C-alpha atoms as a PDB file:
ATOM      1  CA  MET A   1     233.336  37.810 -31.422  1.00  0.00           C
ATOM      2  CA  ALA A   2     235.250  36.642 -34.396  1.00  0.00           C
ATOM      3  CA  PRO A   3     233.092  35.483 -37.159  1.00  0.00           C
ATOM      4  CA  GLN A   4     232.847  31.657 -37.495  1.00  0.00           C
ATOM      5  CA  ARG A   5     234.118  30.121 -40.623  1.00  0.00           C
ATOM      6  CA  ARG A   6     231.780  27.912 -42.529  1.00  0.00           C
ATOM      7  CA  GLY A   7     233.015  24.940 -44.436  1.00  0.00           C
ATOM      8  CA  ALA A   8     232.865  24.893 -48.144  1.00  0.00           C
ATOM      9  CA  PRO A   9     229.493  23.824 -49.354  1.00  0.00           C
ATOM     10  CA  LYS A  10     229.274  20.103 -50.314  1.00  0.00           C
ATOM     11  CA  ALA A  11     228.987  19.284 -53.913  1.00  0.00           C
ATOM     12  CA  PRO A  12     225.629  17.816 -54.737  1.00  0.00           C
ATOM     13  CA  GLU A  13     225.680  14.001 -54.667  1.00  0.00           C
ATOM     14  CA  SER A  14     225.399  12.362 -58.044  1.00  0.00           C
ATOM     15  CA  SER A  15     222.344  10.263 -58.714  1.00  0.00           C
ATOM     16  CA  GLY A  16     224.565   7.187 -59.365  1.00  0.00           C
ATOM     17  CA  ALA A  17     226.211   7.383 -55.948  1.00  0.00           C
ATOM     18  CA  ALA A  18     222.880   7.785 -54.198  1.00  0.00           C
ATOM     19  CA  GLU A  19     221.493   4.758 -55.987  1.00  0.00           C
ATOM     20  CA  ARG A  20     224.537   2.649 -55.008  1.00  0.00           C
ATOM     21  CA  ARG A  21     224.120   3.711 -51.402  1.00  0.00           C
ATOM     22  CA  ARG A  22     220.437   2.781 -51.434  1.00  0.00           C
ATOM     23  CA  GLN A  23     221.235  -0.637 -52.962  1.00  0.00           C
ATOM     24  CA  SER A  24     223.942  -1.264 -50.357  1.00  0.00           C
ATOM     25  CA  SER A  25     221.514  -0.353 -47.574  1.00  0.00           C
ATOM     26  CA  THR A  26     218.798  -2.562 -49.043  1.00  0.00           C
ATOM     27  CA  LYS A  27     221.194  -5.499 -49.333  1.00  0.00           C
ATOM     28  CA  SER A  28     222.283  -5.125 -45.718  1.00  0.00           C
ATOM     29  CA  ILE A  29     218.643  -5.205 -44.615  1.00  0.00           C
ATOM     30  CA  ARG A  30     217.709  -8.054 -46.933  1.00  0.00           C
ATOM     31  CA  ALA A  31     220.664 -10.319 -46.172  1.00  0.00           C
ATOM     32  CA  PRO A  32     219.400 -11.729 -42.828  1.00  0.00           C
ATOM     33  CA  TRP A  33     215.957 -12.382 -44.354  1.00  0.00           C
ATOM     34  CA  ASP A  34     217.525 -14.193 -47.318  1.00  0.00           C
ATOM     35  CA  VAL A  35     219.437 -16.428 -44.888  1.00  0.00           C
ATOM     36  CA  ARG A  36     216.267 -17.131 -42.925  1.00  0.00           C
ATOM     37  CA  LYS A  37     214.392 -18.011 -46.120  1.00  0.00           C
ATOM     38  CA  LYS A  38     217.192 -20.327 -47.183  1.00  0.00           C
ATOM     39  CA  TRP A  39     217.131 -22.233 -43.888  1.00  0.00           C
ATOM     40  CA  LEU A  40     213.350 -22.284 -43.907  1.00  0.00           C
ATOM     41  CA  ARG A  41     213.425 -23.988 -47.297  1.00  0.00           C
ATOM     42  CA  VAL A  42     215.984 -26.499 -45.998  1.00  0.00           C
ATOM     43  CA  ALA A  43     213.886 -27.201 -42.902  1.00  0.00           C
ATOM     44  CA  VAL A  44     210.686 -27.693 -44.911  1.00  0.00           C
ATOM     45  CA  LEU A  45     212.464 -29.918 -47.400  1.00  0.00           C
ATOM     46  CA  GLY A  46     213.961 -31.967 -44.568  1.00  0.00           C
ATOM     47  CA  SER A  47     210.607 -32.321 -42.873  1.00  0.00           C
ATOM     48  CA  CYS A  48     208.953 -33.437 -46.103  1.00  0.00           C
ATOM     49  CA  THR A  49     211.729 -35.962 -46.699  1.00  0.00           C
ATOM     50  CA  ALA A  50     211.388 -37.341 -43.172  1.00  0.00           C
ATOM     51  CA  LEU A  51     207.613 -37.569 -43.511  1.00  0.00           C
ATOM     52  CA  ALA A  52     207.930 -39.349 -46.837  1.00  0.00           C
ATOM     53  CA  ALA A  53     210.392 -41.800 -45.305  1.00  0.00           C
ATOM     54  CA  CYS A  54     208.049 -42.475 -42.390  1.00  0.00           C
ATOM     55  CA  LEU A  55     205.154 -43.083 -44.741  1.00  0.00           C
ATOM     56  CA  PHE A  56     207.285 -45.324 -46.936  1.00  0.00           C
ATOM     57  CA  TRP A  57     208.525 -47.486 -44.093  1.00  0.00           C
ATOM     58  CA  GLY A  58     205.090 -47.493 -42.569  1.00  0.00           C
ATOM     59  CA  SER A  59     203.671 -48.859 -45.802  1.00  0.00           C
ATOM     60  CA  LEU A  60     206.382 -51.517 -45.849  1.00  0.00           C
ATOM     61  CA  GLY A  61     206.118 -52.578 -42.259  1.00  0.00           C
ATOM     62  CA  GLY A  62     202.648 -52.054 -40.921  1.00  0.00           C
ATOM     63  CA  ASP A  63     200.930 -50.339 -38.028  1.00  0.00           C
ATOM     64  CA  ASP A  64     202.619 -48.004 -35.579  1.00  0.00           C
ATOM     65  CA  GLY A  65     202.641 -48.440 -31.828  1.00  0.00           C
ATOM     66  CA  ILE A  66     204.559 -51.726 -31.630  1.00  0.00           C
ATOM     67  CA  THR A  67     206.927 -51.429 -28.714  1.00  0.00           C
ATOM     68  CA  GLU A  68     208.734 -54.769 -28.863  1.00  0.00           C
ATOM     69  CA  VAL A  69     209.474 -57.354 -31.533  1.00  0.00           C
ATOM     70  CA  LEU A  70     209.514 -60.879 -30.137  1.00  0.00           C
ATOM     71  CA  ALA A  71     210.902 -62.371 -33.334  1.00  0.00           C
ATOM     72  CA  HIS A  72     212.547 -60.410 -36.139  1.00  0.00           C
ATOM     73  CA  ARG A  73     212.323 -61.729 -39.672  1.00  0.00           C
ATOM     74  CA  SER A  74     216.142 -61.829 -39.874  1.00  0.00           C
ATOM     75  CA  GLU A  75     216.506 -64.000 -36.772  1.00  0.00           C
ATOM     76  CA  ILE A  76     216.699 -67.790 -36.890  1.00  0.00           C
ATOM     77  CA  LEU A  77     215.339 -68.901 -33.551  1.00  0.00           C
ATOM     78  CA  PRO A  78     215.935 -72.413 -32.204  1.00  0.00           C
ATOM     79  CA  GLY A  79     213.220 -71.573 -29.697  1.00  0.00           C
ATOM     80  CA  ARG A  80     211.980 -68.657 -27.629  1.00  0.00           C
ATOM     81  CA  PHE A  81     209.345 -68.969 -24.922  1.00  0.00           C
ATOM     82  CA  ILE A  82     207.700 -66.276 -22.796  1.00  0.00           C
ATOM     83  CA  GLU A  83     205.558 -67.406 -19.892  1.00  0.00           C
ATOM     84  CA  VAL A  84     202.552 -65.263 -18.951  1.00  0.00           C
ATOM     85  CA  PRO A  85     199.908 -65.660 -16.204  1.00  0.00           C
ATOM     86  CA  CYS A  86     196.933 -67.770 -17.261  1.00  0.00           C
ATOM     87  CA  SER A  87     193.550 -66.106 -17.635  1.00  0.00           C
ATOM     88  CA  GLU A  88     190.349 -67.457 -16.095  1.00  0.00           C
ATOM     89  CA  ASP A  89     188.938 -68.464 -19.481  1.00  0.00           C
ATOM     90  CA  TYR A  90     189.739 -72.127 -18.935  1.00  0.00           C
ATOM     91  CA  ASP A  91     187.749 -72.299 -15.675  1.00  0.00           C
ATOM     92  CA  SER A  92     184.438 -72.220 -17.544  1.00  0.00           C
ATOM     93  CA  HIS A  93     185.408 -75.277 -19.605  1.00  0.00           C
ATOM     94  CA  ARG A  94     185.931 -78.881 -18.660  1.00  0.00           C
ATOM     95  CA  ARG A  95     189.495 -79.415 -17.510  1.00  0.00           C
ATOM     96  CA  PHE A  96     191.683 -82.326 -18.523  1.00  0.00           C
ATOM     97  CA  GLU A  97     194.457 -82.954 -16.038  1.00  0.00           C
ATOM     98  CA  GLY A  98     197.885 -82.980 -17.593  1.00  0.00           C
ATOM     99  CA  CYS A  99     196.696 -81.078 -20.654  1.00  0.00           C
ATOM    100  CA  SER A 100     194.461 -78.078 -19.867  1.00  0.00           C
ATOM    101  CA  PRO A 101     196.693 -75.026 -19.481  1.00  0.00           C
ATOM    102  CA  ARG A 102     198.245 -74.492 -16.060  1.00  0.00           C
ATOM    103  CA  LYS A 103     201.343 -72.979 -17.587  1.00  0.00           C
ATOM    104  CA  CYS A 104     200.478 -70.281 -20.111  1.00  0.00           C
ATOM    105  CA  GLY A 105     202.618 -68.391 -22.554  1.00  0.00           C
ATOM    106  CA  ARG A 106     203.752 -67.955 -26.119  1.00  0.00           C
ATOM    107  CA  GLY A 107     206.596 -69.455 -28.114  1.00  0.00           C
ATOM    108  CA  ILE A 108     208.350 -68.974 -31.437  1.00  0.00           C
ATOM    109  CA  SER A 109     210.629 -71.429 -33.227  1.00  0.00           C
ATOM    110  CA  ASP A 110     212.366 -71.631 -36.604  1.00  0.00           C
ATOM    111  CA  ALA A 111     213.634 -75.152 -35.881  1.00  0.00           C
ATOM    112  CA  VAL A 112     210.379 -77.134 -36.070  1.00  0.00           C
ATOM    113  CA  ILE A 113     209.627 -76.848 -39.794  1.00  0.00           C
ATOM    114  CA  THR A 114     212.257 -76.335 -42.504  1.00  0.00           C
ATOM    115  CA  ARG A 115     211.922 -73.649 -45.145  1.00  0.00           C
ATOM    116  CA  ASP A 116     211.722 -76.384 -47.778  1.00  0.00           C
ATOM    117  CA  GLU A 117     208.795 -77.992 -45.937  1.00  0.00           C
ATOM    118  CA  ALA A 118     207.169 -74.554 -45.703  1.00  0.00           C
ATOM    119  CA  ARG A 119     207.623 -74.055 -49.450  1.00  0.00           C
ATOM    120  CA  ARG A 120     206.087 -77.455 -50.209  1.00  0.00           C
ATOM    121  CA  ILE A 121     203.123 -77.016 -47.896  1.00  0.00           C
ATOM    122  CA  ARG A 122     202.521 -73.523 -49.281  1.00  0.00           C
ATOM    123  CA  SER A 123     202.140 -75.137 -52.701  1.00  0.00           C
ATOM    124  CA  ILE A 124     199.216 -77.136 -51.249  1.00  0.00           C
ATOM    125  CA  ALA A 125     197.547 -73.878 -50.229  1.00  0.00           C
ATOM    126  CA  GLU A 126     198.224 -72.302 -53.621  1.00  0.00           C
ATOM    127  CA  LYS A 127     196.757 -75.269 -55.488  1.00  0.00           C
ATOM    128  CA  GLY A 128     193.628 -75.359 -53.348  1.00  0.00           C
ATOM    129  CA  LEU A 129     193.049 -71.620 -53.370  1.00  0.00           C
ATOM    130  CA  SER A 130     193.485 -71.515 -57.143  1.00  0.00           C
ATOM    131  CA  LEU A 131     190.050 -73.164 -57.257  1.00  0.00           C
ATOM    132  CA  GLY A 132     188.403 -70.127 -55.681  1.00  0.00           C
ATOM    133  CA  GLY A 133     189.378 -67.197 -53.513  1.00  0.00           C
ATOM    134  CA  SER A 134     187.562 -64.417 -51.717  1.00  0.00           C
ATOM    135  CA  ASP A 135     186.474 -61.201 -53.417  1.00  0.00           C
ATOM    136  CA  GLY A 136     187.984 -59.482 -50.397  1.00  0.00           C
ATOM    137  CA  GLY A 137     191.480 -59.646 -48.958  1.00  0.00           C
ATOM    138  CA  ALA A 138     191.264 -62.866 -46.934  1.00  0.00           C
ATOM    139  CA  SER A 139     190.791 -66.352 -48.403  1.00  0.00           C
ATOM    140  CA  ILE A 140     190.438 -69.609 -46.479  1.00  0.00           C
ATOM    141  CA  LEU A 141     191.134 -73.244 -47.357  1.00  0.00           C
ATOM    142  CA  ASP A 142     190.184 -75.894 -44.794  1.00  0.00           C
ATOM    143  CA  LEU A 143     191.229 -79.385 -45.912  1.00  0.00           C
ATOM    144  CA  HIS A 144     189.339 -80.959 -42.988  1.00  0.00           C
ATOM    145  CA  SER A 145     185.853 -79.593 -43.571  1.00  0.00           C
ATOM    146  CA  GLY A 146     186.447 -78.766 -47.237  1.00  0.00           C
ATOM    147  CA  ALA A 147     185.612 -75.075 -46.708  1.00  0.00           C
ATOM    148  CA  LEU A 148     186.960 -72.862 -49.500  1.00  0.00           C
ATOM    149  CA  SER A 149     186.426 -69.123 -50.012  1.00  0.00           C
ATOM    150  CA  VAL A 150     184.725 -68.407 -53.326  1.00  0.00           C
ATOM    151  CA  GLY A 151     183.623 -64.835 -53.981  1.00  0.00           C
ATOM    152  CA  LYS A 152     181.647 -63.671 -50.960  1.00  0.00           C
ATOM    153  CA  HIS A 153     180.787 -67.208 -49.800  1.00  0.00           C
ATOM    154  CA  PHE A 154     182.242 -70.604 -48.943  1.00  0.00           C
ATOM    155  CA  VAL A 155     181.839 -73.890 -50.764  1.00  0.00           C
ATOM    156  CA  ASN A 156     182.756 -77.454 -49.834  1.00  0.00           C
ATOM    157  CA  LEU A 157     185.548 -78.153 -52.279  1.00  0.00           C
ATOM    158  CA  TYR A 158     185.137 -81.941 -52.006  1.00  0.00           C
ATOM    159  CA  ARG A 159     181.481 -81.785 -53.029  1.00  0.00           C
ATOM    160  CA  TYR A 160     181.790 -78.816 -55.386  1.00  0.00           C
ATOM    161  CA  PHE A 161     184.724 -80.161 -57.404  1.00  0.00           C
ATOM    162  CA  GLY A 162     184.209 -83.870 -56.829  1.00  0.00           C
ATOM    163  CA  ASP A 163     186.737 -86.148 -58.525  1.00  0.00           C
ATOM    164  CA  LYS A 164     188.671 -83.164 -59.850  1.00  0.00           C
ATOM    165  CA  ILE A 165     190.262 -82.924 -56.399  1.00  0.00           C
ATOM    166  CA  GLN A 166     192.301 -86.036 -57.245  1.00  0.00           C
ATOM    167  CA  THR A 167     194.011 -84.056 -60.007  1.00  0.00           C
ATOM    168  CA  ILE A 168     194.671 -81.035 -57.774  1.00  0.00           C
ATOM    169  CA  PHE A 169     196.163 -82.703 -54.698  1.00  0.00           C
ATOM    170  CA  SER A 170     198.291 -85.805 -54.244  1.00  0.00           C
ATOM    171  CA  GLU A 171     198.610 -88.311 -51.430  1.00  0.00           C
ATOM    172  CA  GLU A 172     202.102 -86.890 -50.850  1.00  0.00           C
ATOM    173  CA  ASP A 173     200.488 -83.503 -50.183  1.00  0.00           C
ATOM    174  CA  PHE A 174     198.284 -84.930 -47.463  1.00  0.00           C
ATOM    175  CA  GLN A 175     201.132 -86.937 -45.949  1.00  0.00           C
ATOM    176  CA  LEU A 176     203.234 -83.772 -45.735  1.00  0.00           C
ATOM    177  CA  TYR A 177     200.293 -82.012 -44.092  1.00  0.00           C
ATOM    178  CA  ARG A 178     200.084 -84.771 -41.453  1.00  0.00           C
ATOM    179  CA  ASP A 179     203.840 -84.736 -40.851  1.00  0.00           C
ATOM    180  CA  VAL A 180     203.873 -80.973 -40.316  1.00  0.00           C
ATOM    181  CA  ARG A 181     200.900 -81.170 -37.944  1.00  0.00           C
ATOM    182  CA  GLN A 182     202.660 -83.846 -35.871  1.00  0.00           C
ATOM    183  CA  LYS A 183     205.869 -81.788 -35.611  1.00  0.00           C
ATOM    184  CA  VAL A 184     203.953 -78.721 -34.455  1.00  0.00           C
ATOM    185  CA  GLN A 185     201.968 -80.796 -31.958  1.00  0.00           C
ATOM    186  CA  LEU A 186     205.175 -82.205 -30.469  1.00  0.00           C
ATOM    187  CA  ALA A 187     206.748 -78.742 -30.198  1.00  0.00           C
ATOM    188  CA  ILE A 188     203.721 -77.411 -28.302  1.00  0.00           C
ATOM    189  CA  ALA A 189     203.700 -80.391 -25.944  1.00  0.00           C
ATOM    190  CA  GLN A 190     207.392 -79.979 -25.146  1.00  0.00           C
ATOM    191  CA  ALA A 191     207.103 -76.220 -24.555  1.00  0.00           C
ATOM    192  CA  PHE A 192     204.195 -76.585 -22.128  1.00  0.00           C
ATOM    193  CA  GLY A 193     205.356 -79.792 -20.450  1.00  0.00           C
ATOM    194  CA  ILE A 194     202.419 -81.969 -21.459  1.00  0.00           C
ATOM    195  CA  SER A 195     202.039 -85.233 -23.353  1.00  0.00           C
ATOM    196  CA  ALA A 196     201.653 -84.862 -27.118  1.00  0.00           C
ATOM    197  CA  SER A 197     199.099 -87.695 -27.044  1.00  0.00           C
ATOM    198  CA  SER A 198     196.827 -85.593 -24.806  1.00  0.00           C
ATOM    199  CA  LEU A 199     196.467 -82.988 -27.564  1.00  0.00           C
ATOM    200  CA  HIS A 200     193.829 -83.391 -30.239  1.00  0.00           C
ATOM    201  CA  LEU A 201     193.646 -81.489 -33.498  1.00  0.00           C
ATOM    202  CA  THR A 202     190.525 -79.325 -33.488  1.00  0.00           C
ATOM    203  CA  LYS A 203     188.571 -77.115 -35.849  1.00  0.00           C
ATOM    204  CA  PRO A 204     188.963 -74.780 -37.513  1.00  0.00           C
ATOM    205  CA  THR A 205     192.431 -75.652 -38.770  1.00  0.00           C
ATOM    206  CA  PHE A 206     193.003 -73.903 -42.091  1.00  0.00           C
ATOM    207  CA  PHE A 207     195.240 -72.183 -44.635  1.00  0.00           C
ATOM    208  CA  SER A 208     194.903 -68.419 -45.022  1.00  0.00           C
ATOM    209  CA  ARG A 209     195.904 -66.193 -47.909  1.00  0.00           C
ATOM    210  CA  ILE A 210     195.782 -62.459 -47.196  1.00  0.00           C
ATOM    211  CA  ASN A 211     196.420 -59.532 -49.520  1.00  0.00           C
ATOM    212  CA  SER A 212     195.628 -55.806 -49.599  1.00  0.00           C
ATOM    213  CA  THR A 213     192.286 -56.101 -51.431  1.00  0.00           C
ATOM    214  CA  GLU A 214     189.511 -54.179 -49.673  1.00  0.00           C
ATOM    215  CA  ALA A 215     187.236 -56.283 -47.459  1.00  0.00           C
ATOM    216  CA  ARG A 216     183.929 -57.282 -49.020  1.00  0.00           C
ATOM    217  CA  THR A 217     182.377 -59.197 -46.110  1.00  0.00           C
ATOM    218  CA  ALA A 218     182.976 -59.608 -42.381  1.00  0.00           C
ATOM    219  CA  HIS A 219     184.998 -62.759 -43.174  1.00  0.00           C
ATOM    220  CA  ASP A 220     187.609 -60.515 -44.826  1.00  0.00           C
ATOM    221  CA  GLU A 221     188.127 -58.398 -41.695  1.00  0.00           C
ATOM    222  CA  TYR A 222     190.904 -60.490 -40.212  1.00  0.00           C
ATOM    223  CA  TRP A 223     192.613 -57.589 -38.375  1.00  0.00           C
ATOM    224  CA  HIS A 224     190.293 -57.303 -35.346  1.00  0.00           C
ATOM    225  CA  ALA A 225     191.665 -58.204 -31.920  1.00  0.00           C
ATOM    226  CA  HIS A 226     190.261 -61.423 -30.511  1.00  0.00           C
ATOM    227  CA  VAL A 227     190.740 -64.283 -28.054  1.00  0.00           C
ATOM    228  CA  ASP A 228     190.749 -67.758 -29.584  1.00  0.00           C
ATOM    229  CA  LYS A 229     189.243 -69.470 -26.528  1.00  0.00           C
ATOM    230  CA  VAL A 230     186.331 -67.027 -26.672  1.00  0.00           C
ATOM    231  CA  THR A 231     185.899 -67.245 -30.450  1.00  0.00           C
ATOM    232  CA  TYR A 232     186.375 -71.019 -30.606  1.00  0.00           C
ATOM    233  CA  GLY A 233     185.586 -72.671 -27.295  1.00  0.00           C
ATOM    234  CA  SER A 234     187.415 -75.865 -28.219  1.00  0.00           C
ATOM    235  CA  PHE A 235     190.820 -74.167 -28.604  1.00  0.00           C
ATOM    236  CA  ASP A 236     193.352 -74.714 -25.819  1.00  0.00           C
ATOM    237  CA  TYR A 237     196.559 -74.233 -27.797  1.00  0.00           C
ATOM    238  CA  THR A 238     196.864 -72.247 -31.031  1.00  0.00           C
ATOM    239  CA  SER A 239     199.700 -72.351 -33.529  1.00  0.00           C
ATOM    240  CA  LEU A 240     200.532 -70.601 -36.776  1.00  0.00           C
ATOM    241  CA  LEU A 241     202.990 -71.816 -39.351  1.00  0.00           C
ATOM    242  CA  TYR A 242     204.077 -68.974 -41.621  1.00  0.00           C
ATOM    243  CA  LEU A 243     204.560 -69.794 -45.287  1.00  0.00           C
ATOM    244  CA  SER A 244     205.890 -66.472 -46.616  1.00  0.00           C
ATOM    245  CA  ASP A 245     208.373 -63.807 -45.570  1.00  0.00           C
ATOM    246  CA  TYR A 246     207.592 -60.412 -44.056  1.00  0.00           C
ATOM    247  CA  LEU A 247     208.933 -57.534 -46.212  1.00  0.00           C
ATOM    248  CA  ASP A 248     209.982 -59.926 -48.981  1.00  0.00           C
ATOM    249  CA  ASP A 249     206.571 -61.307 -49.915  1.00  0.00           C
ATOM    250  CA  PHE A 250     204.316 -58.778 -48.198  1.00  0.00           C
ATOM    251  CA  GLY A 251     204.205 -55.643 -46.031  1.00  0.00           C
ATOM    252  CA  GLY A 252     202.115 -55.266 -42.896  1.00  0.00           C
ATOM    253  CA  GLY A 253     200.592 -58.551 -41.755  1.00  0.00           C
ATOM    254  CA  ARG A 254     202.621 -58.971 -38.578  1.00  0.00           C
ATOM    255  CA  PHE A 255     201.140 -60.940 -35.693  1.00  0.00           C
ATOM    256  CA  VAL A 256     200.582 -58.768 -32.612  1.00  0.00           C
ATOM    257  CA  PHE A 257     200.118 -59.889 -29.009  1.00  0.00           C
ATOM    258  CA  MET A 258     198.213 -57.034 -27.401  1.00  0.00           C
ATOM    259  CA  GLU A 259     199.277 -55.865 -23.974  1.00  0.00           C
ATOM    260  CA  GLU A 260     198.525 -52.515 -22.392  1.00  0.00           C
ATOM    261  CA  GLY A 261     201.321 -50.165 -23.288  1.00  0.00           C
ATOM    262  CA  ALA A 262     203.563 -52.943 -24.553  1.00  0.00           C
ATOM    263  CA  ASN A 263     202.262 -54.683 -27.667  1.00  0.00           C
ATOM    264  CA  LYS A 264     204.588 -57.405 -28.912  1.00  0.00           C
ATOM    265  CA  THR A 265     204.889 -58.593 -32.475  1.00  0.00           C
ATOM    266  CA  VAL A 266     206.075 -61.606 -34.439  1.00  0.00           C
ATOM    267  CA  GLU A 267     207.439 -60.961 -37.920  1.00  0.00           C
ATOM    268  CA  PRO A 268     206.473 -63.875 -40.179  1.00  0.00           C
ATOM    269  CA  ARG A 269     209.198 -65.934 -41.801  1.00  0.00           C
ATOM    270  CA  ALA A 270     208.575 -69.014 -43.957  1.00  0.00           C
ATOM    271  CA  GLY A 271     208.907 -72.055 -41.707  1.00  0.00           C
ATOM    272  CA  ARG A 272     208.480 -70.060 -38.476  1.00  0.00           C
ATOM    273  CA  VAL A 273     206.048 -71.541 -35.961  1.00  0.00           C
ATOM    274  CA  SER A 274     204.338 -69.291 -33.428  1.00  0.00           C
ATOM    275  CA  PHE A 275     202.263 -70.982 -30.723  1.00  0.00           C
ATOM    276  CA  PHE A 276     200.461 -69.935 -27.573  1.00  0.00           C
ATOM    277  CA  THR A 277     197.769 -70.814 -25.069  1.00  0.00           C
ATOM    278  CA  SER A 278     194.405 -69.763 -26.464  1.00  0.00           C
ATOM    279  CA  GLY A 279     192.953 -67.739 -23.570  1.00  0.00           C
ATOM    280  CA  SER A 280     192.713 -63.998 -22.887  1.00  0.00           C
ATOM    281  CA  GLU A 281     196.325 -63.931 -21.723  1.00  0.00           C
ATOM    282  CA  ASN A 282     197.119 -63.966 -25.433  1.00  0.00           C
ATOM    283  CA  LEU A 283     194.736 -61.396 -26.897  1.00  0.00           C
ATOM    284  CA  HIS A 284     196.006 -60.824 -30.417  1.00  0.00           C
ATOM    285  CA  ARG A 285     195.408 -59.504 -33.905  1.00  0.00           C
ATOM    286  CA  VAL A 286     197.043 -59.410 -37.328  1.00  0.00           C
ATOM    287  CA  GLU A 287     198.067 -56.126 -38.921  1.00  0.00           C
ATOM    288  CA  LYS A 288     196.464 -55.252 -42.225  1.00  0.00           C
ATOM    289  CA  VAL A 289     198.489 -56.409 -45.198  1.00  0.00           C
ATOM    290  CA  HIS A 290     199.506 -53.342 -47.244  1.00  0.00           C
ATOM    291  CA  TRP A 291     201.044 -55.074 -50.251  1.00  0.00           C
ATOM    292  CA  GLY A 292     201.921 -58.550 -51.482  1.00  0.00           C
ATOM    293  CA  THR A 293     200.448 -61.833 -50.264  1.00  0.00           C
ATOM    294  CA  ARG A 294     200.750 -63.449 -46.844  1.00  0.00           C
ATOM    295  CA  TYR A 295     200.331 -67.234 -46.516  1.00  0.00           C
ATOM    296  CA  ALA A 296     199.982 -69.117 -43.236  1.00  0.00           C
ATOM    297  CA  ILE A 297     198.282 -72.123 -41.714  1.00  0.00           C
ATOM    298  CA  THR A 298     196.496 -72.063 -38.361  1.00  0.00           C
ATOM    299  CA  ILE A 299     196.743 -75.390 -36.509  1.00  0.00           C
ATOM    300  CA  ALA A 300     194.675 -75.612 -33.338  1.00  0.00           C
ATOM    301  CA  PHE A 301     194.635 -78.198 -30.549  1.00  0.00           C
ATOM    302  CA  THR A 302     192.189 -79.092 -27.809  1.00  0.00           C
ATOM    303  CA  CYS A 303     192.488 -81.167 -24.673  1.00  0.00           C
ATOM    304  CA  ASN A 304     188.925 -82.430 -25.052  1.00  0.00           C
ATOM    305  CA  PRO A 305     188.835 -85.556 -27.238  1.00  0.00           C
ATOM    306  CA  ASP A 306     185.147 -84.870 -27.974  1.00  0.00           C
ATOM    307  CA  HIS A 307     186.231 -81.783 -29.921  1.00  0.00           C
ATOM    308  CA  GLY A 308     189.001 -83.553 -31.833  1.00  0.00           C
ATOM    309  CA  ILE A 309     189.072 -83.926 -35.623  1.00  0.00           C
ATOM    310  CA  LEU A 310     190.946 -86.330 -37.859  1.00  0.00           C
ATOM    311  CA  ASP A 311     193.680 -85.484 -40.319  1.00  0.00           C
ATOM    312  CA  PRO A 312     192.343 -84.902 -43.832  1.00  0.00           C
ATOM    313  CA  THR A 313     192.606 -87.687 -46.383  1.00  0.00           C
ATOM    314  CA  LEU A 314     192.516 -87.576 -50.147  1.00  0.00           C
ATOM    315  CA  THR A 315     190.266 -90.602 -50.543  1.00  0.00           C
END
C-alpha cells in the first residue's frame, strides 16, 4: 500500500487572530440577548408611562368602575330624563295623590339655570362659608335653619353673627335664591307630570363646599352611598344645582347613581341641575374630591305640606 501523504503542518495561530475569533463568537452569542434587553427596557418604560398616565387621569377624574356617563361636562343638555321602576320606599309613608311618586326616574338639564345665575348664587355660598368652614373636607351652609359648619361643629349663623349678617348678605341674594328654587321646582314638576304647587320645599336644603382635606368627623364623610328617602323621610324629590365645573375647578366629585354592574355618573357643570325621585331606585353617592373645590346646592321637595319649610329671608 502506497504511503499516504500528510498535509503540511498548519502554522500556529497567532494570539491576535484567536482573540478576534473569540470576540466574534462572543458577539454572535450576545447579540440576541442585547436585543432582548433593549426591548425589555422599552416594554418596562412603556408600562411605567401607561401606569403614570392612568394614575394621572385617575387623580383628575375620580373613582374607577363607572360604566356610563349620563351627562358629560362638555355637553349642554336641554333636558335628559331616564325613567326607572319605583321602589317600595314610598309605601311606608303617607301618599299624596298627584304628587307622591308613581313615575320614578332621574333627569339632568343645563337649561333651567344659567351659568351667570350659578355664578351669582355661588357667591352667596362663598360669602356665607367665609364665616366658618369645616376642619374636614365638607362644609355646609343652610340659609333656612342657619346651620353653618365651623371647625368640627355647627353654629346657627343668624344667632352667632347677629346683625353682622346684614353686611354679609343682601336682599338681592335672597331673592335670587328664591328665584332659583322656583325654577328648579317647576322643572321637577314638569319632568314628573305633577303640579308645581303640590311640591313643598323641605329640609335640609343647603349649600355644600367640598375639597380634598381629610375628614375630621362623620359629617365630612360625604362619599358613602345612601338613599335620601331613608336618610330624610320627608324627601320625595331631590335636586342638585352644581355651582362649579368638573375638571376645571375640581377633580373627582362626580355624582354616581349606583346600579349593579352599571353605575351611572353625572359630571358637574356650573348651572347644571340634576334631579331624581328620592327612593331606593336612586341609590347614589359622590366621589371623593381629589383636588380643587366643588360647590353645589341641594334643594329637596316633599309632597307632605306638614314637612314643608319657607324660603329664607334676610329680615
